[in-house]
């Protein structure tokens, strides 16, 4: 059974070792700063970030962070050996219910244009393809949206 637990400082090594690619900067310092923000959010924007647990073991991370009033960005990462077992779907559904209670009404997310696994996951979670765009780095991206 999947559970979502709040992050703790001790999660830093797990995150750095397994999910540094998830962050816009892959340095330990940047990830530590992000983890601190997840543990002790500042400002008035909604931040929901959790460690995905299976049988008391961490297997992934999920974050849903408000970008503008009621609209949030979404990211999820699962350890490779636990992928394609429905854990991302279970974790997202738990998180989605929590952020709805906090006032999030829409979630937006994007993935690389050729990342079929991520695109399929977004569709499975109920997102629709809103547009195809080029990001600041010049990469073609698929932008997904989900109204809650």
C-alpha atoms as a PDB file:
ATOM      1  CA  UNK A   1       0.000   0.000   0.000  1.00  0.00           C
ATOM      2  CA  UNK A   2       1.232   3.457  -0.910  1.00  0.00           C
ATOM      3  CA  UNK A   3       1.455   6.192   1.702  1.00  0.00           C
ATOM      4  CA  UNK A   4       2.581   9.788   1.362  1.00  0.00           C
ATOM      5  CA  UNK A   5       4.625  11.133   4.240  1.00  0.00           C
ATOM      6  CA  UNK A   6       6.026  14.565   4.882  1.00  0.00           C
ATOM      7  CA  UNK A   7       9.669  14.985   4.021  1.00  0.00           C
ATOM      8  CA  UNK A   8      12.328  15.021   6.707  1.00  0.00           C
ATOM      9  CA  UNK A   9      15.899  16.334   6.645  1.00  0.00           C
ATOM     10  CA  UNK A  10      17.111  12.710   6.600  1.00  0.00           C
ATOM     11  CA  UNK A  11      15.557  12.279   3.133  1.00  0.00           C
ATOM     12  CA  UNK A  12      18.258  14.417   1.497  1.00  0.00           C
ATOM     13  CA  UNK A  13      20.655  11.547   0.736  1.00  0.00           C
ATOM     14  CA  UNK A  14      17.841   9.421  -0.751  1.00  0.00           C
ATOM     15  CA  UNK A  15      16.739  12.305  -2.970  1.00  0.00           C
ATOM     16  CA  UNK A  16      20.253  13.270  -4.101  1.00  0.00           C
ATOM     17  CA  UNK A  17      21.188   9.651  -4.859  1.00  0.00           C
ATOM     18  CA  UNK A  18      18.041   8.781  -6.809  1.00  0.00           C
ATOM     19  CA  UNK A  19      16.327  11.914  -8.081  1.00  0.00           C
ATOM     20  CA  UNK A  20      18.835  14.707  -8.692  1.00  0.00           C
ATOM     21  CA  UNK A  21      17.607  14.831 -12.334  1.00  0.00           C
ATOM     22  CA  UNK A  22      14.210  15.935 -11.009  1.00  0.00           C
ATOM     23  CA  UNK A  23      15.544  19.352  -9.962  1.00  0.00           C
ATOM     24  CA  UNK A  24      16.456  22.295 -12.202  1.00  0.00           C
ATOM     25  CA  UNK A  25      19.881  22.303 -10.562  1.00  0.00           C
ATOM     26  CA  UNK A  26      21.390  18.952  -9.655  1.00  0.00           C
ATOM     27  CA  UNK A  27      23.664  20.226  -6.892  1.00  0.00           C
ATOM     28  CA  UNK A  28      23.318  18.903  -3.344  1.00  0.00           C
ATOM     29  CA  UNK A  29      23.028  22.489  -2.082  1.00  0.00           C
ATOM     30  CA  UNK A  30      20.124  23.327  -4.392  1.00  0.00           C
ATOM     31  CA  UNK A  31      18.322  20.084  -3.559  1.00  0.00           C
ATOM     32  CA  UNK A  32      18.870  20.698   0.178  1.00  0.00           C
ATOM     33  CA  UNK A  33      17.396  24.185  -0.220  1.00  0.00           C
ATOM     34  CA  UNK A  34      14.365  22.776  -2.050  1.00  0.00           C
ATOM     35  CA  UNK A  35      13.911  20.104   0.615  1.00  0.00           C
ATOM     36  CA  UNK A  36      14.003  22.812   3.294  1.00  0.00           C
ATOM     37  CA  UNK A  37      11.253  24.674   1.420  1.00  0.00           C
ATOM     38  CA  UNK A  38       9.199  21.474   1.188  1.00  0.00           C
ATOM     39  CA  UNK A  39       9.587  20.869   4.929  1.00  0.00           C
ATOM     40  CA  UNK A  40       8.983  24.499   5.973  1.00  0.00           C
ATOM     41  CA  UNK A  41       7.133  26.302   3.168  1.00  0.00           C
ATOM     42  CA  UNK A  42       7.368  30.076   3.161  1.00  0.00           C
ATOM     43  CA  UNK A  43       5.018  32.613   1.649  1.00  0.00           C
ATOM     44  CA  UNK A  44       1.344  32.182   0.945  1.00  0.00           C
ATOM     45  CA  UNK A  45       1.536  29.762  -2.003  1.00  0.00           C
ATOM     46  CA  UNK A  46       0.401  26.172  -1.524  1.00  0.00           C
ATOM     47  CA  UNK A  47       3.248  23.649  -1.477  1.00  0.00           C
ATOM     48  CA  UNK A  48       2.524  19.947  -1.244  1.00  0.00           C
ATOM     49  CA  UNK A  49       5.576  17.690  -1.402  1.00  0.00           C
ATOM     50  CA  UNK A  50       5.756  14.168  -0.052  1.00  0.00           C
ATOM     51  CA  UNK A  51       7.921  11.097  -0.001  1.00  0.00           C
ATOM     52  CA  UNK A  52       6.136   8.144  -1.607  1.00  0.00           C
ATOM     53  CA  UNK A  53       6.365   5.144   0.703  1.00  0.00           C
ATOM     54  CA  UNK A  54       5.732   1.465   0.015  1.00  0.00           C
ATOM     55  CA  UNK A  55       5.847  -0.920   2.981  1.00  0.00           C
ATOM     56  CA  UNK A  56       7.712   1.700   5.029  1.00  0.00           C
ATOM     57  CA  UNK A  57      10.375   2.171   2.312  1.00  0.00           C
ATOM     58  CA  UNK A  58      10.779   5.327   0.203  1.00  0.00           C
ATOM     59  CA  UNK A  59      10.220   4.674  -3.504  1.00  0.00           C
ATOM     60  CA  UNK A  60       9.607   8.138  -4.922  1.00  0.00           C
ATOM     61  CA  UNK A  61       8.808  11.801  -4.571  1.00  0.00           C
ATOM     62  CA  UNK A  62       5.827  13.926  -5.556  1.00  0.00           C
ATOM     63  CA  UNK A  63       5.339  17.676  -5.487  1.00  0.00           C
ATOM     64  CA  UNK A  64       2.434  19.916  -6.357  1.00  0.00           C
ATOM     65  CA  UNK A  65       3.265  23.586  -5.950  1.00  0.00           C
ATOM     66  CA  UNK A  66       1.026  26.579  -6.546  1.00  0.00           C
ATOM     67  CA  UNK A  67       2.349  28.822  -9.326  1.00  0.00           C
ATOM     68  CA  UNK A  68      -0.527  31.281  -9.377  1.00  0.00           C
ATOM     69  CA  UNK A  69      -3.786  31.470  -7.410  1.00  0.00           C
ATOM     70  CA  UNK A  70      -5.354  27.990  -7.573  1.00  0.00           C
ATOM     71  CA  UNK A  71      -3.035  26.723 -10.341  1.00  0.00           C
ATOM     72  CA  UNK A  72      -0.184  24.361  -9.517  1.00  0.00           C
ATOM     73  CA  UNK A  73       2.710  22.629 -11.189  1.00  0.00           C
ATOM     74  CA  UNK A  74       3.189  18.901 -10.723  1.00  0.00           C
ATOM     75  CA  UNK A  75       6.116  16.533 -10.658  1.00  0.00           C
ATOM     76  CA  UNK A  76       6.567  12.903  -9.692  1.00  0.00           C
ATOM     77  CA  UNK A  77       9.489  10.491  -9.782  1.00  0.00           C
ATOM     78  CA  UNK A  78       9.516   6.788  -8.891  1.00  0.00           C
ATOM     79  CA  UNK A  79      12.554   4.550  -8.456  1.00  0.00           C
ATOM     80  CA  UNK A  80      13.054   2.597 -11.669  1.00  0.00           C
ATOM     81  CA  UNK A  81      12.494  -0.824 -10.106  1.00  0.00           C
ATOM     82  CA  UNK A  82       9.018   0.280  -8.922  1.00  0.00           C
ATOM     83  CA  UNK A  83       7.788   1.793 -12.189  1.00  0.00           C
ATOM     84  CA  UNK A  84       4.876   0.427 -14.227  1.00  0.00           C
ATOM     85  CA  UNK A  85       3.151  -1.006 -11.150  1.00  0.00           C
ATOM     86  CA  UNK A  86       0.574   1.744 -10.620  1.00  0.00           C
ATOM     87  CA  UNK A  87       2.397   3.425  -7.725  1.00  0.00           C
ATOM     88  CA  UNK A  88       2.610   6.819  -9.459  1.00  0.00           C
ATOM     89  CA  UNK A  89      -1.132   6.709 -10.123  1.00  0.00           C
ATOM     90  CA  UNK A  90      -1.897   5.788  -6.512  1.00  0.00           C
ATOM     91  CA  UNK A  91       0.409   8.506  -5.173  1.00  0.00           C
ATOM     92  CA  UNK A  92      -1.012  11.156  -7.495  1.00  0.00           C
ATOM     93  CA  UNK A  93      -4.596  10.296  -6.573  1.00  0.00           C
ATOM     94  CA  UNK A  94      -3.781  10.659  -2.864  1.00  0.00           C
ATOM     95  CA  UNK A  95      -1.980  13.961  -3.454  1.00  0.00           C
ATOM     96  CA  UNK A  96      -4.717  15.291  -5.737  1.00  0.00           C
ATOM     97  CA  UNK A  97      -7.347  14.904  -3.025  1.00  0.00           C
ATOM     98  CA  UNK A  98      -5.158  16.739  -0.522  1.00  0.00           C
ATOM     99  CA  UNK A  99      -4.411  19.720  -2.786  1.00  0.00           C
ATOM    100  CA  UNK A 100      -8.067  20.037  -3.770  1.00  0.00           C
ATOM    101  CA  UNK A 101      -8.835  20.579  -0.068  1.00  0.00           C
ATOM    102  CA  UNK A 102      -6.149  23.286   0.001  1.00  0.00           C
ATOM    103  CA  UNK A 103      -7.723  25.221  -2.895  1.00  0.00           C
ATOM    104  CA  UNK A 104      -5.912  24.011  -6.008  1.00  0.00           C
ATOM    105  CA  UNK A 105      -8.326  23.937  -8.959  1.00  0.00           C
ATOM    106  CA  UNK A 106      -5.949  23.166 -11.841  1.00  0.00           C
ATOM    107  CA  UNK A 107      -2.665  21.306 -12.205  1.00  0.00           C
ATOM    108  CA  UNK A 108      -0.305  21.930 -15.111  1.00  0.00           C
ATOM    109  CA  UNK A 109       2.648  19.783 -16.049  1.00  0.00           C
ATOM    110  CA  UNK A 110       4.974  19.239 -18.963  1.00  0.00           C
ATOM    111  CA  UNK A 111       7.320  16.605 -20.308  1.00  0.00           C
ATOM    112  CA  UNK A 112       9.767  16.300 -23.151  1.00  0.00           C
ATOM    113  CA  UNK A 113       8.005  15.873 -26.474  1.00  0.00           C
ATOM    114  CA  UNK A 114       9.521  12.419 -27.022  1.00  0.00           C
ATOM    115  CA  UNK A 115       8.990  11.132 -23.443  1.00  0.00           C
ATOM    116  CA  UNK A 116       6.178   8.712 -24.232  1.00  0.00           C
ATOM    117  CA  UNK A 117       6.186   7.104 -20.774  1.00  0.00           C
ATOM    118  CA  UNK A 118       5.545  10.461 -19.095  1.00  0.00           C
ATOM    119  CA  UNK A 119       2.907  11.440 -21.661  1.00  0.00           C
ATOM    120  CA  UNK A 120       1.068   8.145 -21.089  1.00  0.00           C
ATOM    121  CA  UNK A 121       1.202   8.650 -17.322  1.00  0.00           C
ATOM    122  CA  UNK A 122      -0.267  12.154 -17.650  1.00  0.00           C
ATOM    123  CA  UNK A 123      -3.102  10.811 -19.800  1.00  0.00           C
ATOM    124  CA  UNK A 124      -3.718   7.945 -17.361  1.00  0.00           C
ATOM    125  CA  UNK A 125      -3.959  10.485 -14.525  1.00  0.00           C
ATOM    126  CA  UNK A 126      -6.649  12.409 -16.417  1.00  0.00           C
ATOM    127  CA  UNK A 127      -4.554  15.265 -17.828  1.00  0.00           C
ATOM    128  CA  UNK A 128      -5.269  16.499 -21.340  1.00  0.00           C
ATOM    129  CA  UNK A 129      -2.675  17.743 -23.794  1.00  0.00           C
ATOM    130  CA  UNK A 130      -3.119  21.515 -23.773  1.00  0.00           C
ATOM    131  CA  UNK A 131      -0.343  22.445 -26.196  1.00  0.00           C
ATOM    132  CA  UNK A 132       3.060  21.657 -27.616  1.00  0.00           C
ATOM    133  CA  UNK A 133       5.631  24.350 -26.943  1.00  0.00           C
ATOM    134  CA  UNK A 134       9.352  25.055 -26.941  1.00  0.00           C
ATOM    135  CA  UNK A 135      10.902  25.797 -23.554  1.00  0.00           C
ATOM    136  CA  UNK A 136      13.597  28.386 -22.778  1.00  0.00           C
ATOM    137  CA  UNK A 137      16.338  25.829 -23.489  1.00  0.00           C
ATOM    138  CA  UNK A 138      14.905  25.255 -26.973  1.00  0.00           C
ATOM    139  CA  UNK A 139      13.455  21.803 -26.217  1.00  0.00           C
ATOM    140  CA  UNK A 140      10.092  20.743 -27.619  1.00  0.00           C
ATOM    141  CA  UNK A 141       7.667  20.025 -24.754  1.00  0.00           C
ATOM    142  CA  UNK A 142       4.157  18.696 -24.232  1.00  0.00           C
ATOM    143  CA  UNK A 143       2.084  20.800 -21.817  1.00  0.00           C
ATOM    144  CA  UNK A 144      -0.664  18.959 -19.939  1.00  0.00           C
ATOM    145  CA  UNK A 145      -3.500  20.322 -17.789  1.00  0.00           C
ATOM    146  CA  UNK A 146      -5.974  18.826 -15.347  1.00  0.00           C
ATOM    147  CA  UNK A 147      -8.962  20.607 -13.854  1.00  0.00           C
ATOM    148  CA  UNK A 148      -9.849  19.422 -10.359  1.00  0.00           C
END
